[in-house]
Amino acid sequence: MWYQQQRGDRLFKLILTAEIRLDDDLRFYGIGSDPENDSRSHFRPGTDQEYGVFTLRRQKIQIVAAMRPSPNLEHFFYDHVEPAGGAQFRAGG
């Protein structure tokens, strides 16, 4: 959604965006810099799987406001809101 108003050289613009992004088929190879040999990893050689598959869901609302009150002055404002807890993960595959 966006809104724009202009009077002569003066301009005000407001943009509001809501986004839900779903990334699936992401792979997790384990823990540490050497996941195949890290004892904390569940995806080591000799196990059923070499990696885990998960889905990542991201939600975000952002607002952008821009105004030019005079020909020599512009001001921009940007902010965004994400749900508490950040991204949501779901194991799959």
PDB file of N, CA and C in Angstrom:
ATOM      1  N   MET A   1       0.843  -1.169   0.000  1.00  0.00           N
ATOM      2  CA  MET A   1       0.000   0.000   0.000  1.00  0.00           C
ATOM      3  C   MET A   1       0.890   1.235   0.000  1.00  0.00           C
ATOM      4  N   TRP A   2       0.548   2.206  -0.769  1.00  0.00           N
ATOM      5  CA  TRP A   2       1.306   3.448  -0.751  1.00  0.00           C
ATOM      6  C   TRP A   2       0.387   4.636  -0.912  1.00  0.00           C
ATOM      7  N   TYR A   3       0.864   5.762  -0.428  1.00  0.00           N
ATOM      8  CA  TYR A   3       0.108   7.015  -0.467  1.00  0.00           C
ATOM      9  C   TYR A   3       1.085   8.118  -0.859  1.00  0.00           C
ATOM     10  N   GLN A   4       0.664   9.001  -1.743  1.00  0.00           N
ATOM     11  CA  GLN A   4       1.536  10.093  -2.161  1.00  0.00           C
ATOM     12  C   GLN A   4       0.714  11.362  -2.309  1.00  0.00           C
ATOM     13  N   GLN A   5       1.276  12.446  -1.830  1.00  0.00           N
ATOM     14  CA  GLN A   5       0.635  13.746  -1.984  1.00  0.00           C
ATOM     15  C   GLN A   5       1.709  14.759  -2.373  1.00  0.00           C
ATOM     16  N   GLN A   6       1.412  15.582  -3.370  1.00  0.00           N
ATOM     17  CA  GLN A   6       2.383  16.559  -3.832  1.00  0.00           C
ATOM     18  C   GLN A   6       1.694  17.894  -4.062  1.00  0.00           C
ATOM     19  N   ARG A   7       2.344  18.933  -3.572  1.00  0.00           N
ATOM     20  CA  ARG A   7       1.881  20.307  -3.812  1.00  0.00           C
ATOM     21  C   ARG A   7       3.084  21.130  -4.245  1.00  0.00           C
ATOM     22  N   GLY A   8       3.178  21.426  -5.515  1.00  0.00           N
ATOM     23  CA  GLY A   8       4.337  22.171  -6.020  1.00  0.00           C
ATOM     24  C   GLY A   8       5.610  21.362  -5.832  1.00  0.00           C
ATOM     25  N   ASP A   9       6.591  21.968  -5.139  1.00  0.00           N
ATOM     26  CA  ASP A   9       7.856  21.281  -4.871  1.00  0.00           C
ATOM     27  C   ASP A   9       7.780  20.399  -3.626  1.00  0.00           C
ATOM     28  N   ARG A  10       6.697  20.471  -2.882  1.00  0.00           N
ATOM     29  CA  ARG A  10       6.563  19.706  -1.643  1.00  0.00           C
ATOM     30  C   ARG A  10       5.964  18.335  -1.940  1.00  0.00           C
ATOM     31  N   LEU A  11       6.544  17.317  -1.318  1.00  0.00           N
ATOM     32  CA  LEU A  11       6.116  15.945  -1.575  1.00  0.00           C
ATOM     33  C   LEU A  11       6.079  15.169  -0.269  1.00  0.00           C
ATOM     34  N   PHE A  12       5.061  14.339  -0.111  1.00  0.00           N
ATOM     35  CA  PHE A  12       4.980  13.398   1.008  1.00  0.00           C
ATOM     36  C   PHE A  12       4.598  12.039   0.432  1.00  0.00           C
ATOM     37  N   LYS A  13       5.326  11.005   0.817  1.00  0.00           N
ATOM     38  CA  LYS A  13       5.056   9.659   0.318  1.00  0.00           C
ATOM     39  C   LYS A  13       5.167   8.680   1.474  1.00  0.00           C
ATOM     40  N   LEU A  14       4.204   7.757   1.551  1.00  0.00           N
ATOM     41  CA  LEU A  14       4.169   6.748   2.604  1.00  0.00           C
ATOM     42  C   LEU A  14       3.979   5.389   1.954  1.00  0.00           C
ATOM     43  N   ILE A  15       4.822   4.426   2.316  1.00  0.00           N
ATOM     44  CA  ILE A  15       4.730   3.062   1.793  1.00  0.00           C
ATOM     45  C   ILE A  15       4.658   2.100   2.973  1.00  0.00           C
ATOM     46  N   LEU A  16       3.684   1.213   2.954  1.00  0.00           N
ATOM     47  CA  LEU A  16       3.502   0.198   4.000  1.00  0.00           C
ATOM     48  C   LEU A  16       3.491  -1.160   3.319  1.00  0.00           C
ATOM     49  N   THR A  17       4.354  -2.068   3.764  1.00  0.00           N
ATOM     50  CA  THR A  17       4.505  -3.376   3.143  1.00  0.00           C
ATOM     51  C   THR A  17       4.428  -4.463   4.201  1.00  0.00           C
ATOM     52  N   ALA A  18       3.695  -5.522   3.906  1.00  0.00           N
ATOM     53  CA  ALA A  18       3.656  -6.714   4.752  1.00  0.00           C
ATOM     54  C   ALA A  18       4.149  -7.885   3.915  1.00  0.00           C
ATOM     55  N   GLU A  19       5.019  -8.700   4.499  1.00  0.00           N
ATOM     56  CA  GLU A  19       5.635  -9.775   3.731  1.00  0.00           C
ATOM     57  C   GLU A  19       5.695 -11.046   4.573  1.00  0.00           C
ATOM     58  N   ILE A  20       5.339 -12.150   3.962  1.00  0.00           N
ATOM     59  CA  ILE A  20       5.538 -13.474   4.555  1.00  0.00           C
ATOM     60  C   ILE A  20       6.343 -14.269   3.543  1.00  0.00           C
ATOM     61  N   ARG A  21       7.531 -14.685   3.934  1.00  0.00           N
ATOM     62  CA  ARG A  21       8.405 -15.441   3.037  1.00  0.00           C
ATOM     63  C   ARG A  21       8.565 -16.856   3.583  1.00  0.00           C
ATOM     64  N   LEU A  22       8.404 -17.837   2.710  1.00  0.00           N
ATOM     65  CA  LEU A  22       8.520 -19.243   3.086  1.00  0.00           C
ATOM     66  C   LEU A  22       9.648 -19.872   2.270  1.00  0.00           C
ATOM     67  N   ASP A  23      10.730 -20.240   2.951  1.00  0.00           N
ATOM     68  CA  ASP A  23      11.855 -20.927   2.306  1.00  0.00           C
ATOM     69  C   ASP A  23      11.822 -22.374   2.767  1.00  0.00           C
ATOM     70  N   ASP A  24      11.627 -23.308   1.827  1.00  0.00           N
ATOM     71  CA  ASP A  24      11.622 -24.712   2.209  1.00  0.00           C
ATOM     72  C   ASP A  24      12.782 -25.447   1.545  1.00  0.00           C
ATOM     73  N   ASP A  25      13.007 -26.634   1.952  1.00  0.00           N
ATOM     74  CA  ASP A  25      14.097 -27.468   1.451  1.00  0.00           C
ATOM     75  C   ASP A  25      15.468 -26.893   1.812  1.00  0.00           C
ATOM     76  N   LEU A  26      15.564 -26.228   2.973  1.00  0.00           N
ATOM     77  CA  LEU A  26      16.855 -25.771   3.469  1.00  0.00           C
ATOM     78  C   LEU A  26      17.529 -26.923   4.196  1.00  0.00           C
ATOM     79  N   ARG A  27      18.843 -27.010   4.103  1.00  0.00           N
ATOM     80  CA  ARG A  27      19.563 -28.141   4.686  1.00  0.00           C
ATOM     81  C   ARG A  27      20.388 -27.701   5.893  1.00  0.00           C
ATOM     82  N   PHE A  28      20.421 -28.558   6.893  1.00  0.00           N
ATOM     83  CA  PHE A  28      21.215 -28.361   8.096  1.00  0.00           C
ATOM     84  C   PHE A  28      22.173 -29.543   8.207  1.00  0.00           C
ATOM     85  N   TYR A  29      23.463 -29.267   8.180  1.00  0.00           N
ATOM     86  CA  TYR A  29      24.456 -30.339   8.168  1.00  0.00           C
ATOM     87  C   TYR A  29      25.001 -30.677   9.548  1.00  0.00           C
ATOM     88  N   GLY A  30      24.632 -29.971  10.563  1.00  0.00           N
ATOM     89  CA  GLY A  30      25.099 -30.309  11.907  1.00  0.00           C
ATOM     90  C   GLY A  30      25.699 -29.117  12.618  1.00  0.00           C
ATOM     91  N   ILE A  31      26.429 -29.410  13.669  1.00  0.00           N
ATOM     92  CA  ILE A  31      26.954 -28.390  14.564  1.00  0.00           C
ATOM     93  C   ILE A  31      28.466 -28.317  14.425  1.00  0.00           C
ATOM     94  N   GLY A  32      29.023 -27.132  14.601  1.00  0.00           N
ATOM     95  CA  GLY A  32      30.469 -26.958  14.609  1.00  0.00           C
ATOM     96  C   GLY A  32      31.037 -26.716  13.223  1.00  0.00           C
ATOM     97  N   SER A  33      32.330 -26.430  13.201  1.00  0.00           N
ATOM     98  CA  SER A  33      32.986 -26.132  11.924  1.00  0.00           C
ATOM     99  C   SER A  33      33.211 -27.395  11.096  1.00  0.00           C
ATOM    100  N   ASP A  34      33.172 -28.567  11.735  1.00  0.00           N
ATOM    101  CA  ASP A  34      33.335 -29.853  11.035  1.00  0.00           C
ATOM    102  C   ASP A  34      32.168 -30.754  11.448  1.00  0.00           C
ATOM    103  N   PRO A  35      30.954 -30.541  10.896  1.00  0.00           N
ATOM    104  CA  PRO A  35      29.757 -31.236  11.376  1.00  0.00           C
ATOM    105  C   PRO A  35      29.829 -32.755  11.279  1.00  0.00           C
ATOM    106  N   GLU A  36      30.540 -33.283  10.285  1.00  0.00           N
ATOM    107  CA  GLU A  36      30.586 -34.739  10.139  1.00  0.00           C
ATOM    108  C   GLU A  36      31.332 -35.410  11.283  1.00  0.00           C
ATOM    109  N   ASN A  37      32.223 -34.680  11.955  1.00  0.00           N
ATOM    110  CA  ASN A  37      33.004 -35.266  13.036  1.00  0.00           C
ATOM    111  C   ASN A  37      32.669 -34.705  14.406  1.00  0.00           C
ATOM    112  N   ASP A  38      31.737 -33.777  14.486  1.00  0.00           N
ATOM    113  CA  ASP A  38      31.353 -33.191  15.768  1.00  0.00           C
ATOM    114  C   ASP A  38      30.411 -34.146  16.489  1.00  0.00           C
ATOM    115  N   SER A  39      30.742 -34.512  17.716  1.00  0.00           N
ATOM    116  CA  SER A  39      29.947 -35.506  18.451  1.00  0.00           C
ATOM    117  C   SER A  39      28.549 -35.008  18.788  1.00  0.00           C
ATOM    118  N   ARG A  40      28.298 -33.707  18.744  1.00  0.00           N
ATOM    119  CA  ARG A  40      26.969 -33.161  19.040  1.00  0.00           C
ATOM    120  C   ARG A  40      26.019 -33.280  17.856  1.00  0.00           C
ATOM    121  N   SER A  41      26.548 -33.563  16.656  1.00  0.00           N
ATOM    122  CA  SER A  41      25.744 -33.592  15.449  1.00  0.00           C
ATOM    123  C   SER A  41      25.006 -34.915  15.299  1.00  0.00           C
ATOM    124  N   HIS A  42      23.740 -34.846  14.921  1.00  0.00           N
ATOM    125  CA  HIS A  42      22.926 -36.044  14.677  1.00  0.00           C
ATOM    126  C   HIS A  42      23.079 -36.542  13.248  1.00  0.00           C
ATOM    127  N   PHE A  43      23.784 -35.819  12.414  1.00  0.00           N
ATOM    128  CA  PHE A  43      23.890 -36.142  10.989  1.00  0.00           C
ATOM    129  C   PHE A  43      25.325 -36.534  10.632  1.00  0.00           C
ATOM    130  N   ARG A  44      25.885 -37.456  11.356  1.00  0.00           N
ATOM    131  CA  ARG A  44      27.248 -37.925  11.112  1.00  0.00           C
ATOM    132  C   ARG A  44      27.228 -39.162  10.242  1.00  0.00           C
ATOM    133  N   PRO A  45      28.367 -39.500   9.618  1.00  0.00           N
ATOM    134  CA  PRO A  45      28.426 -40.742   8.841  1.00  0.00           C
ATOM    135  C   PRO A  45      28.036 -41.941   9.696  1.00  0.00           C
ATOM    136  N   GLY A  46      27.321 -42.879   9.103  1.00  0.00           N
ATOM    137  CA  GLY A  46      26.857 -44.048   9.838  1.00  0.00           C
ATOM    138  C   GLY A  46      25.448 -43.892  10.372  1.00  0.00           C
ATOM    139  N   THR A  47      24.867 -42.687  10.259  1.00  0.00           N
ATOM    140  CA  THR A  47      23.485 -42.485  10.677  1.00  0.00           C
ATOM    141  C   THR A  47      22.589 -42.600   9.452  1.00  0.00           C
ATOM    142  N   ASP A  48      21.288 -42.534   9.668  1.00  0.00           N
ATOM    143  CA  ASP A  48      20.333 -42.673   8.569  1.00  0.00           C
ATOM    144  C   ASP A  48      20.397 -41.518   7.572  1.00  0.00           C
ATOM    145  N   GLN A  49      20.678 -40.315   8.067  1.00  0.00           N
ATOM    146  CA  GLN A  49      20.684 -39.147   7.199  1.00  0.00           C
ATOM    147  C   GLN A  49      21.984 -38.376   7.365  1.00  0.00           C
ATOM    148  N   GLU A  50      22.413 -37.722   6.308  1.00  0.00           N
ATOM    149  CA  GLU A  50      23.603 -36.889   6.379  1.00  0.00           C
ATOM    150  C   GLU A  50      23.260 -35.437   6.707  1.00  0.00           C
ATOM    151  N   TYR A  51      22.010 -35.066   6.524  1.00  0.00           N
ATOM    152  CA  TYR A  51      21.596 -33.699   6.823  1.00  0.00           C
ATOM    153  C   TYR A  51      20.108 -33.683   7.145  1.00  0.00           C
ATOM    154  N   GLY A  52      19.689 -32.633   7.805  1.00  0.00           N
ATOM    155  CA  GLY A  52      18.275 -32.426   8.093  1.00  0.00           C
ATOM    156  C   GLY A  52      17.698 -31.410   7.127  1.00  0.00           C
ATOM    157  N   VAL A  53      16.406 -31.494   6.864  1.00  0.00           N
ATOM    158  CA  VAL A  53      15.714 -30.546   5.988  1.00  0.00           C
ATOM    159  C   VAL A  53      14.716 -29.782   6.842  1.00  0.00           C
ATOM    160  N   PHE A  54      14.664 -28.464   6.665  1.00  0.00           N
ATOM    161  CA  PHE A  54      13.714 -27.670   7.444  1.00  0.00           C
ATOM    162  C   PHE A  54      13.121 -26.566   6.591  1.00  0.00           C
ATOM    163  N   THR A  55      12.051 -25.981   7.097  1.00  0.00           N
ATOM    164  CA  THR A  55      11.356 -24.867   6.450  1.00  0.00           C
ATOM    165  C   THR A  55      11.509 -23.638   7.327  1.00  0.00           C
ATOM    166  N   LEU A  56      11.756 -22.516   6.716  1.00  0.00           N
ATOM    167  CA  LEU A  56      11.920 -21.257   7.428  1.00  0.00           C
ATOM    168  C   LEU A  56      10.830 -20.289   6.976  1.00  0.00           C
ATOM    169  N   ARG A  57      10.062 -19.757   7.931  1.00  0.00           N
ATOM    170  CA  ARG A  57       9.006 -18.791   7.628  1.00  0.00           C
ATOM    171  C   ARG A  57       9.365 -17.461   8.280  1.00  0.00           C
ATOM    172  N   ARG A  58       9.433 -16.421   7.453  1.00  0.00           N
ATOM    173  CA  ARG A  58       9.764 -15.089   7.940  1.00  0.00           C
ATOM    174  C   ARG A  58       8.598 -14.146   7.677  1.00  0.00           C
ATOM    175  N   GLN A  59       8.276 -13.350   8.685  1.00  0.00           N
ATOM    176  CA  GLN A  59       7.196 -12.377   8.560  1.00  0.00           C
ATOM    177  C   GLN A  59       7.757 -10.998   8.895  1.00  0.00           C
ATOM    178  N   LYS A  60       7.341  -9.995   8.133  1.00  0.00           N
ATOM    179  CA  LYS A  60       7.853  -8.650   8.381  1.00  0.00           C
ATOM    180  C   LYS A  60       6.846  -7.623   7.887  1.00  0.00           C
ATOM    181  N   ILE A  61       6.712  -6.555   8.633  1.00  0.00           N
ATOM    182  CA  ILE A  61       5.938  -5.386   8.218  1.00  0.00           C
ATOM    183  C   ILE A  61       6.912  -4.218   8.221  1.00  0.00           C
ATOM    184  N   GLN A  62       6.943  -3.469   7.130  1.00  0.00           N
ATOM    185  CA  GLN A  62       7.849  -2.321   7.083  1.00  0.00           C
ATOM    186  C   GLN A  62       7.109  -1.070   6.656  1.00  0.00           C
ATOM    187  N   ILE A  63       7.639   0.054   7.100  1.00  0.00           N
ATOM    188  CA  ILE A  63       7.056   1.347   6.763  1.00  0.00           C
ATOM    189  C   ILE A  63       8.184   2.261   6.289  1.00  0.00           C
ATOM    190  N   VAL A  64       7.914   2.970   5.211  1.00  0.00           N
ATOM    191  CA  VAL A  64       8.855   3.940   4.667  1.00  0.00           C
ATOM    192  C   VAL A  64       8.082   5.244   4.477  1.00  0.00           C
ATOM    193  N   ALA A  65       8.624   6.315   4.993  1.00  0.00           N
ATOM    194  CA  ALA A  65       8.017   7.638   4.808  1.00  0.00           C
ATOM    195  C   ALA A  65       9.085   8.571   4.261  1.00  0.00           C
ATOM    196  N   ALA A  66       8.726   9.326   3.257  1.00  0.00           N
ATOM    197  CA  ALA A  66       9.646  10.301   2.664  1.00  0.00           C
ATOM    198  C   ALA A  66       8.913  11.614   2.497  1.00  0.00           C
ATOM    199  N   MET A  67       9.615  12.695   2.796  1.00  0.00           N
ATOM    200  CA  MET A  67       8.999  13.992   2.596  1.00  0.00           C
ATOM    201  C   MET A  67      10.040  15.003   2.141  1.00  0.00           C
ATOM    202  N   ARG A  68       9.568  15.909   1.307  1.00  0.00           N
ATOM    203  CA  ARG A  68      10.387  17.015   0.817  1.00  0.00           C
ATOM    204  C   ARG A  68       9.627  18.296   1.142  1.00  0.00           C
ATOM    205  N   PRO A  69       9.873  18.874   2.335  1.00  0.00           N
ATOM    206  CA  PRO A  69       9.137  20.079   2.704  1.00  0.00           C
ATOM    207  C   PRO A  69       9.566  21.320   1.923  1.00  0.00           C
ATOM    208  N   SER A  70      10.780  21.285   1.372  1.00  0.00           N
ATOM    209  CA  SER A  70      11.243  22.391   0.537  1.00  0.00           C
ATOM    210  C   SER A  70      12.194  21.818  -0.517  1.00  0.00           C
ATOM    211  N   PRO A  71      12.500  22.588  -1.567  1.00  0.00           N
ATOM    212  CA  PRO A  71      13.366  22.058  -2.631  1.00  0.00           C
ATOM    213  C   PRO A  71      14.760  21.644  -2.144  1.00  0.00           C
ATOM    214  N   ASN A  72      15.222  22.185  -1.023  1.00  0.00           N
ATOM    215  CA  ASN A  72      16.573  21.908  -0.529  1.00  0.00           C
ATOM    216  C   ASN A  72      16.608  20.959   0.668  1.00  0.00           C
ATOM    217  N   LEU A  73      15.477  20.394   1.064  1.00  0.00           N
ATOM    218  CA  LEU A  73      15.450  19.544   2.256  1.00  0.00           C
ATOM    219  C   LEU A  73      14.578  18.316   2.004  1.00  0.00           C
ATOM    220  N   GLU A  74      15.153  17.132   2.239  1.00  0.00           N
ATOM    221  CA  GLU A  74      14.411  15.872   2.150  1.00  0.00           C
ATOM    222  C   GLU A  74      14.646  15.091   3.424  1.00  0.00           C
ATOM    223  N   HIS A  75      13.650  14.322   3.824  1.00  0.00           N
ATOM    224  CA  HIS A  75      13.775  13.497   5.024  1.00  0.00           C
ATOM    225  C   HIS A  75      13.157  12.130   4.736  1.00  0.00           C
ATOM    226  N   PHE A  76      13.865  11.070   5.143  1.00  0.00           N
ATOM    227  CA  PHE A  76      13.386   9.702   4.961  1.00  0.00           C
ATOM    228  C   PHE A  76      13.333   9.001   6.305  1.00  0.00           C
ATOM    229  N   PHE A  77      12.322   8.173   6.480  1.00  0.00           N
ATOM    230  CA  PHE A  77      12.173   7.377   7.698  1.00  0.00           C
ATOM    231  C   PHE A  77      11.870   5.942   7.280  1.00  0.00           C
ATOM    232  N   TYR A  78      12.560   4.989   7.890  1.00  0.00           N
ATOM    233  CA  TYR A  78      12.322   3.570   7.614  1.00  0.00           C
ATOM    234  C   TYR A  78      12.295   2.827   8.944  1.00  0.00           C
ATOM    235  N   ASP A  79      11.352   1.919   9.085  1.00  0.00           N
ATOM    236  CA  ASP A  79      11.297   1.059  10.263  1.00  0.00           C
ATOM    237  C   ASP A  79      10.608  -0.237   9.862  1.00  0.00           C
ATOM    238  N   HIS A  80      10.851  -1.281  10.634  1.00  0.00           N
ATOM    239  CA  HIS A  80      10.181  -2.554  10.367  1.00  0.00           C
ATOM    240  C   HIS A  80       9.886  -3.266  11.676  1.00  0.00           C
ATOM    241  N   VAL A  81       8.896  -4.143  11.625  1.00  0.00           N
ATOM    242  CA  VAL A  81       8.466  -4.912  12.790  1.00  0.00           C
ATOM    243  C   VAL A  81       8.458  -6.384  12.403  1.00  0.00           C
ATOM    244  N   GLU A  82       9.041  -7.207  13.260  1.00  0.00           N
ATOM    245  CA  GLU A  82       9.001  -8.653  13.074  1.00  0.00           C
ATOM    246  C   GLU A  82       8.392  -9.258  14.328  1.00  0.00           C
ATOM    247  N   PRO A  83       7.700 -10.405  14.207  1.00  0.00           N
ATOM    248  CA  PRO A  83       7.095 -11.034  15.386  1.00  0.00           C
ATOM    249  C   PRO A  83       8.147 -11.400  16.420  1.00  0.00           C
ATOM    250  N   ALA A  84       7.761 -11.374  17.681  1.00  0.00           N
ATOM    251  CA  ALA A  84       8.668 -11.795  18.755  1.00  0.00           C
ATOM    252  C   ALA A  84       9.112 -13.228  18.487  1.00  0.00           C
ATOM    253  N   GLY A  85      10.362 -13.514  18.709  1.00  0.00           N
ATOM    254  CA  GLY A  85      10.883 -14.869  18.460  1.00  0.00           C
ATOM    255  C   GLY A  85      11.497 -14.994  17.091  1.00  0.00           C
ATOM    256  N   GLY A  86      11.351 -13.985  16.229  1.00  0.00           N
ATOM    257  CA  GLY A  86      11.985 -14.014  14.907  1.00  0.00           C
ATOM    258  C   GLY A  86      11.391 -15.030  13.969  1.00  0.00           C
ATOM    259  N   ALA A  87      12.264 -15.684  13.197  1.00  0.00           N
ATOM    260  CA  ALA A  87      11.822 -16.651  12.199  1.00  0.00           C
ATOM    261  C   ALA A  87      11.296 -17.915  12.861  1.00  0.00           C
ATOM    262  N   GLN A  88      10.400 -18.591  12.186  1.00  0.00           N
ATOM    263  CA  GLN A  88       9.828 -19.843  12.694  1.00  0.00           C
ATOM    264  C   GLN A  88      10.358 -21.002  11.862  1.00  0.00           C
ATOM    265  N   PHE A  89      10.882 -22.009  12.563  1.00  0.00           N
ATOM    266  CA  PHE A  89      11.454 -23.175  11.888  1.00  0.00           C
ATOM    267  C   PHE A  89      10.523 -24.379  12.023  1.00  0.00           C
ATOM    268  N   ARG A  90      10.486 -25.209  11.001  1.00  0.00           N
ATOM    269  CA  ARG A  90       9.721 -26.457  11.067  1.00  0.00           C
ATOM    270  C   ARG A  90      10.566 -27.539  10.406  1.00  0.00           C
ATOM    271  N   ALA A  91      10.809 -28.612  11.131  1.00  0.00           N
ATOM    272  CA  ALA A  91      11.593 -29.725  10.571  1.00  0.00           C
ATOM    273  C   ALA A  91      10.757 -30.446   9.531  1.00  0.00           C
ATOM    274  N   GLY A  92      11.415 -30.942   8.532  1.00  0.00           N
ATOM    275  CA  GLY A  92      10.709 -31.665   7.470  1.00  0.00           C
ATOM    276  C   GLY A  92      11.598 -32.746   6.905  1.00  0.00           C
ATOM    277  N   GLY A  93      11.195 -33.257   5.754  1.00  0.00           N
ATOM    278  CA  GLY A  93      11.975 -34.194   4.981  1.00  0.00           C
ATOM    279  C   GLY A  93      12.262 -35.464   5.650  1.00  0.00           C
TER     280      GLY A  93
END
